[in-house]
Protein backbone atom coordinates (compact mmCIF):
# COMPACT_ATOMS: atom_id res chain seq x y z
CA GLN A 1 24.53 -17.59 85.04
CA VAL A 2 25.55 -14.86 82.60
CA LEU A 3 22.98 -12.25 81.66
CA LEU A 4 23.10 -10.57 78.27
CA VAL A 5 21.38 -7.24 77.78
CA GLU A 6 21.11 -5.64 74.36
CA SER A 7 20.28 -1.99 73.77
CA GLY A 8 20.58 0.77 71.22
CA GLY A 9 17.98 -0.26 68.69
CA GLY A 10 15.38 2.02 67.23
CA LEU A 11 13.77 3.39 64.11
CA VAL A 12 16.13 4.73 61.46
CA GLN A 13 15.81 5.78 57.84
CA PRO A 14 17.49 3.81 55.07
CA GLY A 15 21.11 4.86 54.85
CA GLY A 16 21.20 5.78 58.51
CA SER A 17 23.30 4.40 61.34
CA LEU A 18 22.82 2.80 64.73
CA ARG A 19 25.18 1.53 67.39
CA LEU A 20 24.03 -1.46 69.41
CA THR A 21 25.41 -2.33 72.82
CA CYS A 22 25.62 -5.72 74.52
CA ALA A 23 26.31 -5.76 78.24
CA ALA A 24 27.30 -9.03 79.91
CA SER A 25 27.09 -9.67 83.63
CA GLY A 26 30.40 -11.55 83.67
CA ARG A 27 33.72 -11.28 81.89
CA ILE A 28 32.71 -13.96 79.44
CA PHE A 29 34.01 -11.98 76.48
CA SER A 30 37.56 -12.39 77.77
CA PHE A 31 37.48 -16.12 77.13
CA ASN A 32 35.04 -16.68 74.28
CA ASP A 33 34.37 -15.58 70.77
CA MET A 34 31.15 -13.61 70.63
CA GLY A 35 28.74 -12.55 67.96
CA TRP A 36 25.74 -10.52 67.02
CA TYR A 37 22.69 -12.34 65.73
CA ARG A 38 19.46 -11.08 64.25
CA GLN A 39 16.03 -12.48 63.60
CA ALA A 40 13.35 -10.96 61.41
CA PRO A 41 9.69 -12.02 61.61
CA GLY A 42 9.16 -15.35 59.91
CA LYS A 43 12.86 -15.85 59.33
CA GLN A 44 15.62 -17.92 60.85
CA ARG A 45 17.94 -16.33 63.37
CA GLU A 46 21.21 -15.56 61.62
CA LEU A 47 24.71 -14.75 62.75
CA VAL A 48 25.79 -11.44 61.25
CA ALA A 49 29.11 -10.65 62.93
CA THR A 50 31.67 -12.32 65.18
CA ILE A 51 34.73 -11.22 67.07
CA ALA A 52 37.35 -13.60 68.41
CA THR A 53 39.33 -13.28 71.61
CA THR A 54 42.21 -12.16 69.39
CA GLY A 55 40.11 -9.29 68.10
CA ARG A 56 39.69 -10.72 64.63
CA SER A 57 36.23 -10.18 63.22
CA ASN A 58 34.10 -11.80 60.55
CA TYR A 59 30.85 -10.77 58.93
CA ALA A 60 28.00 -12.23 56.98
CA ASP A 61 28.13 -11.23 53.33
CA SER A 62 24.90 -9.29 53.73
CA VAL A 63 26.47 -6.84 56.19
CA LYS A 64 30.13 -6.88 55.19
CA GLY A 65 31.48 -3.39 54.69
CA ARG A 66 28.57 -1.81 56.57
CA PHE A 67 28.71 -3.29 60.08
CA THR A 68 31.59 -3.27 62.54
CA ILE A 69 31.75 -5.44 65.65
CA SER A 70 33.89 -4.48 68.62
CA ARG A 71 34.21 -5.14 72.32
CA ASP A 72 35.52 -3.60 75.51
CA ILE A 73 36.81 -6.48 77.60
CA VAL A 74 37.25 -4.50 80.80
CA LYS A 75 33.64 -3.35 80.61
CA ASN A 76 32.32 -6.75 79.49
CA THR A 77 30.57 -4.95 76.68
CA ALA A 78 30.31 -5.54 72.95
CA TYR A 79 29.11 -3.24 70.22
CA LEU A 80 27.76 -3.37 66.72
CA GLN A 81 28.15 -0.24 64.63
CA MET A 82 25.68 -0.39 61.76
CA ASN A 83 26.04 2.02 58.85
CA SER A 84 24.25 2.37 55.54
CA LEU A 85 21.27 0.55 56.95
CA LYS A 86 18.79 -1.09 54.62
CA PRO A 87 15.17 -2.12 55.20
CA GLU A 88 16.27 -5.75 55.07
CA ASP A 89 18.40 -5.11 58.15
CA SER A 90 15.20 -4.74 60.18
CA ALA A 91 15.18 -7.40 62.87
CA VAL A 92 15.58 -8.06 66.55
CA TYR A 93 19.30 -8.10 67.27
CA TYR A 94 20.85 -10.32 69.93
CA CYS A 95 24.33 -10.88 71.25
CA ASN A 96 25.67 -14.22 72.35
CA LEU A 97 28.71 -16.44 72.29
CA VAL A 98 29.63 -18.33 69.15
CA ASP A 99 30.97 -21.69 70.29
CA LYS A 100 28.67 -22.18 73.27
CA LEU A 101 25.39 -20.32 73.31
CA LEU A 102 24.16 -18.81 76.53
CA SER A 103 20.56 -18.02 77.33
CA TRP A 104 19.24 -15.39 74.94
CA GLY A 105 18.57 -11.90 76.13
CA GLN A 106 15.55 -9.83 75.14
CA GLY A 107 17.27 -8.41 72.08
CA THR A 108 16.87 -4.92 70.71
CA GLN A 109 14.59 -4.00 67.82
CA VAL A 110 16.06 -2.35 64.76
CA THR A 111 13.61 -0.98 62.22
CA VAL A 112 14.86 0.58 59.00
CA SER A 113 12.08 2.40 57.21
CA SER A 114 11.33 5.69 55.52
């Protein structure tokens, strides 16, 4: 059983930045594409960024140019650098695999507000 632990969220002003961290208990990121997801109250969970085992990344149109996904395979850790944050980015952010979902972690709350 792989545990996923997200951290790094918080309250930030519009235009600010945050860096989220996803720690996995096993080296699952070595063999699987992974992604960052988010869910705002009353809204569907959405996939915002992915990174393949090759290192290639993709982004939802809503975050393209502002967010950057990365990973450290040896540390079994993934990151999401979020810049130019907007109020509509406010959500609970989760990490998980893309092709085969694992059990969800607790997520980390991101609130963008002035």
